[in-house]
Protein backbone atom coordinates (compact mmCIF):
# COMPACT_ATOMS: atom_id res chain seq x y z
CA MET A 1 -6.52 -2.58 24.77
CA GLU A 2 -9.52 -4.87 23.76
CA ILE A 3 -10.25 -6.01 19.96
CA ARG A 4 -14.11 -5.34 19.79
CA ASN A 5 -14.89 -6.41 16.44
CA GLN A 6 -12.51 -9.25 15.66
CA LYS A 7 -13.80 -9.74 11.63
CA LYS A 8 -12.38 -6.02 11.09
CA PHE A 9 -9.11 -6.58 13.01
CA LEU A 10 -8.77 -9.67 11.00
CA LEU A 11 -9.88 -8.07 7.77
CA GLY A 12 -7.22 -4.75 8.67
CA LEU A 13 -4.58 -7.06 9.39
CA ILE A 14 -4.84 -8.74 5.94
CA ILE A 15 -5.32 -5.60 3.99
CA MET A 16 -2.27 -4.29 5.97
CA ILE A 17 0.01 -7.26 5.32
CA LEU A 18 -0.85 -7.38 1.44
CA GLY A 19 -0.19 -3.71 1.07
CA ALA A 20 3.23 -3.99 2.82
CA PHE A 21 4.29 -6.62 0.23
CA ILE A 22 3.29 -4.77 -2.40
CA MET A 23 5.33 -1.42 -1.27
CA VAL A 24 8.42 -4.01 -0.03
CA PHE A 25 8.64 -5.53 -3.72
CA ASP A 26 7.90 -2.28 -5.53
CA TYR A 27 10.41 -0.33 -4.42
CA PRO A 28 13.64 -1.58 -5.47
CA GLN A 29 12.14 -1.12 -8.52
CA ILE A 30 11.13 2.25 -8.35
CA GLU A 31 14.82 3.13 -6.86
CA TYR A 32 15.97 1.70 -10.14
CA PHE A 33 14.50 3.50 -12.42
CA ASN A 34 14.90 6.54 -9.95
CA TYR A 35 18.66 6.23 -10.44
CA LEU A 36 19.05 5.94 -14.04
CA GLU A 37 20.56 9.12 -14.99
CA ASN A 38 18.50 11.32 -17.20
CA ASP A 39 20.33 10.85 -20.60
CA ILE A 40 20.12 6.71 -20.17
CA TYR A 41 16.02 7.29 -19.02
CA GLN A 42 15.53 9.54 -22.03
CA ILE A 43 17.01 6.40 -24.29
CA LEU A 44 14.35 4.09 -22.75
CA GLU A 45 11.56 2.48 -25.00
CA ASN A 46 8.09 3.72 -24.39
CA ASP A 47 7.19 0.13 -23.40
CA LYS A 48 9.86 0.35 -20.04
CA LYS A 49 8.64 3.91 -19.38
CA GLU A 50 4.96 2.58 -19.24
CA ILE A 51 6.19 -0.34 -16.93
CA TYR A 52 7.76 2.70 -14.93
CA GLN A 53 4.40 4.53 -14.37
CA LYS A 54 2.77 1.12 -13.57
CA ILE A 55 4.88 0.18 -11.01
CA LEU A 56 4.46 3.94 -9.34
CA VAL A 57 0.45 3.20 -9.42
CA GLU A 58 1.07 -0.17 -7.97
CA PHE A 59 3.33 1.55 -5.09
CA LEU A 60 0.55 3.43 -4.26
CA PHE A 61 -2.08 1.37 -4.30
CA GLY A 62 0.18 -0.38 -1.96
CA ILE A 63 0.47 2.55 0.14
CA ILE A 64 -3.36 2.87 0.17
CA LEU A 65 -4.19 -0.75 1.12
CA PHE A 66 -1.70 -0.24 3.60
CA GLY A 67 -3.32 2.54 5.62
CA LEU A 68 -6.99 0.88 4.94
CA GLY A 69 -5.65 -1.89 6.75
CA ILE A 70 -4.39 0.30 9.78
CA MET A 71 -7.84 1.74 9.88
CA LEU A 72 -9.77 -1.05 10.06
CA ILE A 73 -7.29 -2.36 12.72
CA LEU A 74 -8.07 0.98 14.67
CA ILE A 75 -11.78 0.85 14.32
CA SER A 76 -11.88 -2.52 15.49
CA ILE A 77 -9.92 -1.41 18.69
CA LEU A 78 -12.03 1.56 19.58
CA LYS A 79 -15.15 1.23 21.57
CA ARG A 80 -17.14 4.03 19.68
CA PHE A 81 -17.70 2.07 16.61
CA GLU A 82 -18.95 -1.04 18.21
CA ASN A 83 -22.21 -0.63 17.24
CA GLY A 84 -22.07 2.68 14.75
CA ILE A 85 -21.44 6.32 15.53
CA ARG A 86 -23.59 7.37 18.38
């Protein structure tokens, strides 16, 4: 296995690591809100519910970045993407 495009590989690695950090740091917060019982969740203020929604969006963004990083790494390794698709 040979890296054909080192810039894409490095960029993909950086994006993948960034996405992994976002997922690792947001997952415990999501689990905290998921383990709250329904009656406690109903009592939460609207601000905290909005925070939960924002955390979910951040987590989804982390998953997208992680997948994009993996795709860039794979593209940098595959030979047919070296000079464009023929």
